[in-house]
Amino acid sequence: MELHGTNSQVECQTCHQRSDPEPHFSYFRETRRSPICGCGGFLKPATISFGQNLRPEDLSRSEDAASHADFVIALGSTLSVYPAAEIPLLAARNGVPYAIINRGATEHDVLPQVTIRMEDDVEKVFPPAVAAALNER
């Protein structure tokens, strides 16, 4: 679930249409002019930028998913920006295991809901752990 959006698309700031960024990058490389949406609106990566609110529907879906989770894991986050940092706690408060993998401290490290805390590089430890878990099925 992409609570904070994605860099794999651009989004019009007027009509909110999303599209593949590559044609827009190509346009810029060829013309040196900022690409705009067909509606005339400005384009930016389809991410939530500083000062923008999370989309209520994305937040609601995240909260719903957390309430039905069997396990929750926070990867590469300081867990300091709310309301997103609250999402894993919604699941953990229901008694499901809660794991954190991060380089550096997080705001959840001392909470009793945390089952396991790993101080490590997410890219180094998480993909092999997922691969191993999938191979054991």
C-alpha atoms as a PDB file:
ATOM      1  CA  MET A   1       0.000   0.000   0.000  1.00  0.00           C
ATOM      2  CA  GLU A   2       1.483   3.352  -1.000  1.00  0.00           C
ATOM      3  CA  LEU A   3       0.392   5.658   1.776  1.00  0.00           C
ATOM      4  CA  HIS A   4       2.868   8.360   0.766  1.00  0.00           C
ATOM      5  CA  GLY A   5       2.483   7.871  -2.987  1.00  0.00           C
ATOM      6  CA  THR A   6       4.944   6.714  -5.601  1.00  0.00           C
ATOM      7  CA  ASN A   7       7.749   8.031  -7.774  1.00  0.00           C
ATOM      8  CA  SER A   8       6.738   5.608 -10.525  1.00  0.00           C
ATOM      9  CA  GLN A   9       4.039   8.009 -11.725  1.00  0.00           C
ATOM     10  CA  VAL A  10       3.468  11.740 -12.083  1.00  0.00           C
ATOM     11  CA  GLU A  11       0.240  13.397 -11.015  1.00  0.00           C
ATOM     12  CA  CYS A  12      -1.501  16.516 -12.249  1.00  0.00           C
ATOM     13  CA  GLN A  13      -1.983  18.978  -9.410  1.00  0.00           C
ATOM     14  CA  THR A  14      -5.257  20.187 -10.954  1.00  0.00           C
ATOM     15  CA  CYS A  15      -7.185  17.149 -12.237  1.00  0.00           C
ATOM     16  CA  HIS A  16      -5.170  14.504 -10.294  1.00  0.00           C
ATOM     17  CA  GLN A  17      -4.721  12.280 -13.354  1.00  0.00           C
ATOM     18  CA  ARG A  18      -1.703   9.997 -12.986  1.00  0.00           C
ATOM     19  CA  SER A  19       0.573   8.878 -15.784  1.00  0.00           C
ATOM     20  CA  ASP A  20       3.936   7.352 -16.627  1.00  0.00           C
ATOM     21  CA  PRO A  21       6.679   9.961 -16.052  1.00  0.00           C
ATOM     22  CA  GLU A  22       8.931   8.932 -18.956  1.00  0.00           C
ATOM     23  CA  PRO A  23       7.024  10.724 -21.770  1.00  0.00           C
ATOM     24  CA  HIS A  24       7.084  13.892 -19.679  1.00  0.00           C
ATOM     25  CA  PHE A  25      10.823  13.535 -19.020  1.00  0.00           C
ATOM     26  CA  SER A  26      11.401  12.977 -22.751  1.00  0.00           C
ATOM     27  CA  TYR A  27       9.376  16.086 -23.555  1.00  0.00           C
ATOM     28  CA  PHE A  28      11.494  18.110 -21.146  1.00  0.00           C
ATOM     29  CA  ARG A  29      14.762  16.712 -22.531  1.00  0.00           C
ATOM     30  CA  GLU A  30      13.700  17.598 -26.084  1.00  0.00           C
ATOM     31  CA  THR A  31      12.162  21.037 -25.457  1.00  0.00           C
ATOM     32  CA  ARG A  32      13.628  22.198 -22.110  1.00  0.00           C
ATOM     33  CA  ARG A  33      10.064  23.233 -21.229  1.00  0.00           C
ATOM     34  CA  SER A  34       8.140  21.965 -18.229  1.00  0.00           C
ATOM     35  CA  PRO A  35       5.554  19.409 -19.274  1.00  0.00           C
ATOM     36  CA  ILE A  36       1.976  20.084 -18.279  1.00  0.00           C
ATOM     37  CA  CYS A  37      -1.117  17.945 -18.134  1.00  0.00           C
ATOM     38  CA  GLY A  38      -3.679  18.023 -20.922  1.00  0.00           C
ATOM     39  CA  CYS A  39      -5.898  20.068 -18.591  1.00  0.00           C
ATOM     40  CA  GLY A  40      -3.128  22.666 -18.218  1.00  0.00           C
ATOM     41  CA  GLY A  41      -2.207  21.658 -14.672  1.00  0.00           C
ATOM     42  CA  PHE A  42       1.306  21.239 -13.309  1.00  0.00           C
ATOM     43  CA  LEU A  43       2.795  17.773 -12.941  1.00  0.00           C
ATOM     44  CA  LYS A  44       4.842  16.439 -10.028  1.00  0.00           C
ATOM     45  CA  PRO A  45       5.809  13.003  -8.763  1.00  0.00           C
ATOM     46  CA  ALA A  46       2.737  11.248  -7.387  1.00  0.00           C
ATOM     47  CA  THR A  47       4.065  11.453  -3.844  1.00  0.00           C
ATOM     48  CA  ILE A  48       2.899  13.325  -0.786  1.00  0.00           C
ATOM     49  CA  SER A  49       5.205  16.309  -0.411  1.00  0.00           C
ATOM     50  CA  PHE A  50       5.970  18.263   2.737  1.00  0.00           C
ATOM     51  CA  GLY A  51       2.869  20.250   3.681  1.00  0.00           C
ATOM     52  CA  GLN A  52       0.465  18.041   1.719  1.00  0.00           C
ATOM     53  CA  ASN A  53      -2.095  15.978   3.593  1.00  0.00           C
ATOM     54  CA  LEU A  54      -2.384  12.237   3.123  1.00  0.00           C
ATOM     55  CA  ARG A  55      -5.335  11.226   0.993  1.00  0.00           C
ATOM     56  CA  PRO A  56      -8.194  10.321   3.342  1.00  0.00           C
ATOM     57  CA  GLU A  57      -9.052   7.224   1.279  1.00  0.00           C
ATOM     58  CA  ASP A  58      -5.439   5.963   1.464  1.00  0.00           C
ATOM     59  CA  LEU A  59      -5.310   6.559   5.205  1.00  0.00           C
ATOM     60  CA  SER A  60      -8.631   4.763   5.662  1.00  0.00           C
ATOM     61  CA  ARG A  61      -7.462   1.754   3.616  1.00  0.00           C
ATOM     62  CA  SER A  62      -4.253   1.616   5.667  1.00  0.00           C
ATOM     63  CA  GLU A  63      -6.136   1.713   8.946  1.00  0.00           C
ATOM     64  CA  ASP A  64      -8.493  -1.011   7.736  1.00  0.00           C
ATOM     65  CA  ALA A  65      -5.581  -3.193   6.605  1.00  0.00           C
ATOM     66  CA  ALA A  66      -3.853  -2.703   9.966  1.00  0.00           C
ATOM     67  CA  SER A  67      -6.967  -3.762  11.836  1.00  0.00           C
ATOM     68  CA  HIS A  68      -6.972  -7.072   9.903  1.00  0.00           C
ATOM     69  CA  ALA A  69      -3.212  -7.728   9.871  1.00  0.00           C
ATOM     70  CA  ASP A  70      -1.604 -10.883  11.205  1.00  0.00           C
ATOM     71  CA  PHE A  71       1.849  -9.294  11.346  1.00  0.00           C
ATOM     72  CA  VAL A  72       3.179  -5.764  10.898  1.00  0.00           C
ATOM     73  CA  ILE A  73       6.645  -4.605   9.941  1.00  0.00           C
ATOM     74  CA  ALA A  74       8.091  -1.111   9.674  1.00  0.00           C
ATOM     75  CA  LEU A  75      11.010  -0.821   7.263  1.00  0.00           C
ATOM     76  CA  GLY A  76      13.486   2.031   7.053  1.00  0.00           C
ATOM     77  CA  SER A  77      11.481   4.643   8.928  1.00  0.00           C
ATOM     78  CA  THR A  78      12.016   6.795  11.976  1.00  0.00           C
ATOM     79  CA  LEU A  79       8.297   6.327  12.696  1.00  0.00           C
ATOM     80  CA  SER A  80       8.082   9.976  13.660  1.00  0.00           C
ATOM     81  CA  VAL A  81       5.619  11.380  11.119  1.00  0.00           C
ATOM     82  CA  TYR A  82       1.982  11.012  12.070  1.00  0.00           C
ATOM     83  CA  PRO A  83      -0.607   9.861  11.185  1.00  0.00           C
ATOM     84  CA  ALA A  84       1.396   7.300   9.146  1.00  0.00           C
ATOM     85  CA  ALA A  85       3.483   6.257  12.168  1.00  0.00           C
ATOM     86  CA  GLU A  86       0.275   5.305  13.955  1.00  0.00           C
ATOM     87  CA  ILE A  87      -0.650   2.636  11.372  1.00  0.00           C
ATOM     88  CA  PRO A  88       1.639  -0.183  12.626  1.00  0.00           C
ATOM     89  CA  LEU A  89       0.571   0.562  16.188  1.00  0.00           C
ATOM     90  CA  LEU A  90      -3.082  -0.020  15.254  1.00  0.00           C
ATOM     91  CA  ALA A  91      -2.176  -3.588  14.360  1.00  0.00           C
ATOM     92  CA  ALA A  92       0.236  -4.102  17.266  1.00  0.00           C
ATOM     93  CA  ARG A  93      -2.373  -2.974  19.793  1.00  0.00           C
ATOM     94  CA  ASN A  94      -4.526  -5.855  18.525  1.00  0.00           C
ATOM     95  CA  GLY A  95      -1.793  -8.222  19.687  1.00  0.00           C
ATOM     96  CA  VAL A  96      -0.143  -9.030  16.359  1.00  0.00           C
ATOM     97  CA  PRO A  97       3.665  -9.227  16.180  1.00  0.00           C
ATOM     98  CA  TYR A  98       5.347  -5.926  15.294  1.00  0.00           C
ATOM     99  CA  ALA A  99       8.852  -5.872  13.821  1.00  0.00           C
ATOM    100  CA  ILE A 100      11.000  -2.843  13.052  1.00  0.00           C
ATOM    101  CA  ILE A 101      14.069  -2.880  10.801  1.00  0.00           C
ATOM    102  CA  ASN A 102      15.911   0.414  10.560  1.00  0.00           C
ATOM    103  CA  ARG A 103      19.345   1.958  10.702  1.00  0.00           C
ATOM    104  CA  GLY A 104      19.060   4.375  13.572  1.00  0.00           C
ATOM    105  CA  ALA A 105      16.563   4.927  16.334  1.00  0.00           C
ATOM    106  CA  THR A 106      12.818   5.103  15.801  1.00  0.00           C
ATOM    107  CA  GLU A 107      10.165   6.621  18.000  1.00  0.00           C
ATOM    108  CA  HIS A 108       8.615   3.180  18.504  1.00  0.00           C
ATOM    109  CA  ASP A 109      11.764   1.421  19.735  1.00  0.00           C
ATOM    110  CA  VAL A 110      10.814   1.675  23.406  1.00  0.00           C
ATOM    111  CA  LEU A 111       7.129   0.814  23.012  1.00  0.00           C
ATOM    112  CA  PRO A 112       5.922  -2.432  24.572  1.00  0.00           C
ATOM    113  CA  GLN A 113       4.037  -3.368  21.378  1.00  0.00           C
ATOM    114  CA  VAL A 114       7.322  -3.911  19.479  1.00  0.00           C
ATOM    115  CA  THR A 115       8.090  -7.639  19.240  1.00  0.00           C
ATOM    116  CA  ILE A 116      11.479  -7.403  17.546  1.00  0.00           C
ATOM    117  CA  ARG A 117      13.761  -4.497  16.665  1.00  0.00           C
ATOM    118  CA  MET A 118      16.626  -4.974  14.199  1.00  0.00           C
ATOM    119  CA  GLU A 119      19.318  -2.352  13.746  1.00  0.00           C
ATOM    120  CA  ASP A 120      20.330  -3.038  10.146  1.00  0.00           C
ATOM    121  CA  ASP A 121      20.114  -2.075   6.492  1.00  0.00           C
ATOM    122  CA  VAL A 122      16.654  -2.976   5.173  1.00  0.00           C
ATOM    123  CA  GLU A 123      17.987  -3.762   1.689  1.00  0.00           C
ATOM    124  CA  LYS A 124      20.516  -6.171   3.162  1.00  0.00           C
ATOM    125  CA  VAL A 125      18.276  -8.161   5.503  1.00  0.00           C
ATOM    126  CA  PHE A 126      14.688  -7.931   4.312  1.00  0.00           C
ATOM    127  CA  PRO A 127      14.792  -9.404   0.768  1.00  0.00           C
ATOM    128  CA  PRO A 128      16.679 -12.542   1.887  1.00  0.00           C
ATOM    129  CA  ALA A 129      14.305 -12.964   4.839  1.00  0.00           C
ATOM    130  CA  VAL A 130      11.262 -12.765   2.559  1.00  0.00           C
ATOM    131  CA  ALA A 131      12.848 -15.163   0.062  1.00  0.00           C
ATOM    132  CA  ALA A 132      13.607 -17.650   2.858  1.00  0.00           C
ATOM    133  CA  ALA A 133      10.076 -17.384   4.239  1.00  0.00           C
ATOM    134  CA  LEU A 134       8.539 -17.960   0.804  1.00  0.00           C
ATOM    135  CA  ASN A 135      10.778 -20.969   0.161  1.00  0.00           C
ATOM    136  CA  GLU A 136       9.605 -22.581   3.415  1.00  0.00           C
ATOM    137  CA  ARG A 137       5.982 -22.624   2.289  1.00  0.00           C
END
